[in-house]
Amino acid sequence: MSEQVQERNGVPVLVCDADGPVVTGVQDALDVIGSAFTRSEVVALPVSRLSDDFFELRTGLAGEVMQKFVNYQIRLAIVGDISERLAASESLRALVHESNRGRHIWFVPDLDALDAHLTQRSS
């Protein structure tokens, strides 16, 4: 997996490469968590690294993946444009809205937005 730890607003963030392996199941999420576990507090995972099943909430994959990050106390930022997916799914819009209000899982359009989110969450 191509990745690098960056200090973003005083927080170590594992920034994953957009061309890395796609998260298609819980084990893939655990592999990402393992890469981050001792090196960072947040994982910035590009949307391109998530399978379509992640965004089809009825599959349960999003819930399983998100719960693993919460359980291991690694915050997850899903980075990229998901506007088309949001327009097509009311339940996904609700999930994103609630996630972005919390402290563990965020959906952000880019790393600058993640920086802003980290600033808001540290105050």
C-alpha atoms as a PDB file:
ATOM      1  CA  MET A   1       0.000   0.000   0.000  1.00  0.00           C
ATOM      2  CA  SER A   2       1.396   3.408  -0.943  1.00  0.00           C
ATOM      3  CA  GLU A   3       0.950   5.774   1.932  1.00  0.00           C
ATOM      4  CA  GLN A   4       2.647   8.458   3.928  1.00  0.00           C
ATOM      5  CA  VAL A   5       2.160   9.913   7.357  1.00  0.00           C
ATOM      6  CA  GLN A   6       1.680  13.678   7.246  1.00  0.00           C
ATOM      7  CA  GLU A   7       1.356  16.063  10.147  1.00  0.00           C
ATOM      8  CA  ARG A   8      -1.891  17.949   9.421  1.00  0.00           C
ATOM      9  CA  ASN A   9      -2.896  20.597  11.959  1.00  0.00           C
ATOM     10  CA  GLY A  10      -0.789  18.874  14.578  1.00  0.00           C
ATOM     11  CA  VAL A  11      -2.364  15.469  13.953  1.00  0.00           C
ATOM     12  CA  PRO A  12      -0.511  12.534  12.379  1.00  0.00           C
ATOM     13  CA  VAL A  13      -2.576  11.441   9.370  1.00  0.00           C
ATOM     14  CA  LEU A  14      -1.917   8.367   7.241  1.00  0.00           C
ATOM     15  CA  VAL A  15      -2.636   9.622   3.725  1.00  0.00           C
ATOM     16  CA  CYS A  16      -3.346   6.638   1.509  1.00  0.00           C
ATOM     17  CA  ASP A  17      -2.567   6.620  -2.195  1.00  0.00           C
ATOM     18  CA  ALA A  18      -5.581   6.700  -4.496  1.00  0.00           C
ATOM     19  CA  ASP A  19      -4.127   3.830  -6.537  1.00  0.00           C
ATOM     20  CA  GLY A  20      -3.773   1.407  -3.638  1.00  0.00           C
ATOM     21  CA  PRO A  21      -5.851  -1.715  -3.038  1.00  0.00           C
ATOM     22  CA  VAL A  22      -9.614  -1.321  -2.868  1.00  0.00           C
ATOM     23  CA  VAL A  23     -11.394  -1.989   0.412  1.00  0.00           C
ATOM     24  CA  THR A  24     -13.849  -4.727  -0.502  1.00  0.00           C
ATOM     25  CA  GLY A  25     -14.279  -6.288   2.920  1.00  0.00           C
ATOM     26  CA  VAL A  26     -13.517  -6.039   6.605  1.00  0.00           C
ATOM     27  CA  GLN A  27     -10.083  -7.644   6.258  1.00  0.00           C
ATOM     28  CA  ASP A  28      -9.047  -4.928   3.814  1.00  0.00           C
ATOM     29  CA  ALA A  29     -10.124  -2.309   6.359  1.00  0.00           C
ATOM     30  CA  LEU A  30      -8.127  -4.104   9.053  1.00  0.00           C
ATOM     31  CA  ASP A  31      -5.067  -4.003   6.779  1.00  0.00           C
ATOM     32  CA  VAL A  32      -5.403  -0.212   6.529  1.00  0.00           C
ATOM     33  CA  ILE A  33      -5.903   0.053  10.283  1.00  0.00           C
ATOM     34  CA  GLY A  34      -2.797  -2.062  10.823  1.00  0.00           C
ATOM     35  CA  SER A  35      -0.773   0.314   8.671  1.00  0.00           C
ATOM     36  CA  ALA A  36      -1.987   3.262  10.704  1.00  0.00           C
ATOM     37  CA  PHE A  37      -2.118   1.769  14.173  1.00  0.00           C
ATOM     38  CA  THR A  38       1.154   2.960  15.687  1.00  0.00           C
ATOM     39  CA  ARG A  39       1.872   5.805  13.293  1.00  0.00           C
ATOM     40  CA  SER A  40      -1.229   7.957  13.020  1.00  0.00           C
ATOM     41  CA  GLU A  41      -4.497   9.008  14.607  1.00  0.00           C
ATOM     42  CA  VAL A  42      -6.397   9.507  11.355  1.00  0.00           C
ATOM     43  CA  VAL A  43      -6.517   7.646   8.047  1.00  0.00           C
ATOM     44  CA  ALA A  44      -7.273   9.689   4.929  1.00  0.00           C
ATOM     45  CA  LEU A  45      -8.686   7.120   2.523  1.00  0.00           C
ATOM     46  CA  PRO A  46      -9.552   8.218  -1.027  1.00  0.00           C
ATOM     47  CA  VAL A  47     -13.025   7.395  -2.289  1.00  0.00           C
ATOM     48  CA  SER A  48     -11.391   5.465  -5.140  1.00  0.00           C
ATOM     49  CA  ARG A  49     -10.167   2.942  -2.558  1.00  0.00           C
ATOM     50  CA  LEU A  50     -13.704   1.960  -1.540  1.00  0.00           C
ATOM     51  CA  SER A  51     -15.721  -0.611  -3.421  1.00  0.00           C
ATOM     52  CA  ASP A  52     -19.195   0.230  -4.700  1.00  0.00           C
ATOM     53  CA  ASP A  53     -20.590  -2.039  -1.980  1.00  0.00           C
ATOM     54  CA  PHE A  54     -19.380   0.434   0.635  1.00  0.00           C
ATOM     55  CA  PHE A  55     -21.799   3.028  -0.712  1.00  0.00           C
ATOM     56  CA  GLU A  56     -24.679   0.547  -1.076  1.00  0.00           C
ATOM     57  CA  LEU A  57     -25.667   0.665   2.582  1.00  0.00           C
ATOM     58  CA  ARG A  58     -27.876  -2.415   2.349  1.00  0.00           C
ATOM     59  CA  THR A  59     -24.701  -4.530   1.963  1.00  0.00           C
ATOM     60  CA  GLY A  60     -23.593  -3.582   5.482  1.00  0.00           C
ATOM     61  CA  LEU A  61     -19.991  -3.042   4.385  1.00  0.00           C
ATOM     62  CA  ALA A  62     -19.900   0.649   5.328  1.00  0.00           C
ATOM     63  CA  GLY A  63     -21.138  -0.103   8.820  1.00  0.00           C
ATOM     64  CA  GLU A  64     -18.670  -2.936   9.315  1.00  0.00           C
ATOM     65  CA  VAL A  65     -15.708  -0.906   8.055  1.00  0.00           C
ATOM     66  CA  MET A  66     -16.639   2.186  10.030  1.00  0.00           C
ATOM     67  CA  GLN A  67     -17.146   0.144  13.202  1.00  0.00           C
ATOM     68  CA  LYS A  68     -13.655  -1.378  12.885  1.00  0.00           C
ATOM     69  CA  PHE A  69     -12.111   2.089  12.765  1.00  0.00           C
ATOM     70  CA  VAL A  70     -14.109   3.159  15.814  1.00  0.00           C
ATOM     71  CA  ASN A  71     -13.183  -0.031  17.694  1.00  0.00           C
ATOM     72  CA  TYR A  72      -9.467   0.513  17.053  1.00  0.00           C
ATOM     73  CA  GLN A  73      -9.764   4.236  17.876  1.00  0.00           C
ATOM     74  CA  ILE A  74      -8.400   5.318  14.497  1.00  0.00           C
ATOM     75  CA  ARG A  75     -10.369   8.145  12.933  1.00  0.00           C
ATOM     76  CA  LEU A  76     -11.293   7.712   9.263  1.00  0.00           C
ATOM     77  CA  ALA A  77     -11.610  10.465   6.688  1.00  0.00           C
ATOM     78  CA  ILE A  78     -13.075   9.346   3.388  1.00  0.00           C
ATOM     79  CA  VAL A  79     -11.650  11.841   0.914  1.00  0.00           C
ATOM     80  CA  GLY A  80     -13.197  12.682  -2.435  1.00  0.00           C
ATOM     81  CA  ASP A  81     -16.309  13.696  -4.304  1.00  0.00           C
ATOM     82  CA  ILE A  82     -19.312  11.510  -3.565  1.00  0.00           C
ATOM     83  CA  SER A  83     -21.942  14.014  -4.716  1.00  0.00           C
ATOM     84  CA  GLU A  84     -23.433  11.669  -7.333  1.00  0.00           C
ATOM     85  CA  ARG A  85     -23.778   8.904  -4.772  1.00  0.00           C
ATOM     86  CA  LEU A  86     -25.371  11.327  -2.293  1.00  0.00           C
ATOM     87  CA  ALA A  87     -27.868  12.506  -4.893  1.00  0.00           C
ATOM     88  CA  ALA A  88     -28.923   8.904  -5.480  1.00  0.00           C
ATOM     89  CA  SER A  89     -29.338   7.810  -1.849  1.00  0.00           C
ATOM     90  CA  GLU A  90     -31.203   9.497   0.974  1.00  0.00           C
ATOM     91  CA  SER A  91     -29.850   6.976   3.480  1.00  0.00           C
ATOM     92  CA  LEU A  92     -26.268   7.654   2.400  1.00  0.00           C
ATOM     93  CA  ARG A  93     -26.873  11.407   2.759  1.00  0.00           C
ATOM     94  CA  ALA A  94     -28.119  10.796   6.309  1.00  0.00           C
ATOM     95  CA  LEU A  95     -25.107   8.624   7.145  1.00  0.00           C
ATOM     96  CA  VAL A  96     -22.653  11.227   5.821  1.00  0.00           C
ATOM     97  CA  HIS A  97     -24.430  14.022   7.671  1.00  0.00           C
ATOM     98  CA  GLU A  98     -24.371  12.179  10.992  1.00  0.00           C
ATOM     99  CA  SER A  99     -20.801  10.957  10.519  1.00  0.00           C
ATOM    100  CA  ASN A 100     -19.519  14.458   9.810  1.00  0.00           C
ATOM    101  CA  ARG A 101     -21.067  15.692  13.051  1.00  0.00           C
ATOM    102  CA  GLY A 102     -19.099  13.140  15.042  1.00  0.00           C
ATOM    103  CA  ARG A 103     -15.493  12.625  16.026  1.00  0.00           C
ATOM    104  CA  HIS A 104     -14.580   9.354  14.314  1.00  0.00           C
ATOM    105  CA  ILE A 105     -15.679   9.126  10.674  1.00  0.00           C
ATOM    106  CA  TRP A 106     -15.771  12.013   8.207  1.00  0.00           C
ATOM    107  CA  PHE A 107     -16.551  12.395   4.537  1.00  0.00           C
ATOM    108  CA  VAL A 108     -14.563  15.297   3.088  1.00  0.00           C
ATOM    109  CA  PRO A 109     -14.038  16.479  -0.504  1.00  0.00           C
ATOM    110  CA  ASP A 110     -10.263  16.974  -0.182  1.00  0.00           C
ATOM    111  CA  LEU A 111      -7.366  17.171   2.261  1.00  0.00           C
ATOM    112  CA  ASP A 112      -7.897  20.909   2.816  1.00  0.00           C
ATOM    113  CA  ALA A 113     -11.394  20.119   4.074  1.00  0.00           C
ATOM    114  CA  LEU A 114      -9.893  17.438   6.330  1.00  0.00           C
ATOM    115  CA  ASP A 115      -7.522  20.060   7.744  1.00  0.00           C
ATOM    116  CA  ALA A 116     -10.508  22.295   8.511  1.00  0.00           C
ATOM    117  CA  HIS A 117     -12.309  19.367  10.123  1.00  0.00           C
ATOM    118  CA  LEU A 118      -9.287  18.588  12.295  1.00  0.00           C
ATOM    119  CA  THR A 119      -9.138  22.230  13.383  1.00  0.00           C
ATOM    120  CA  GLN A 120     -12.825  22.200  14.346  1.00  0.00           C
ATOM    121  CA  ARG A 121     -12.492  18.939  16.267  1.00  0.00           C
ATOM    122  CA  SER A 122      -9.452  20.059  18.260  1.00  0.00           C
ATOM    123  CA  SER A 123     -11.121  23.159  19.702  1.00  0.00           C
END
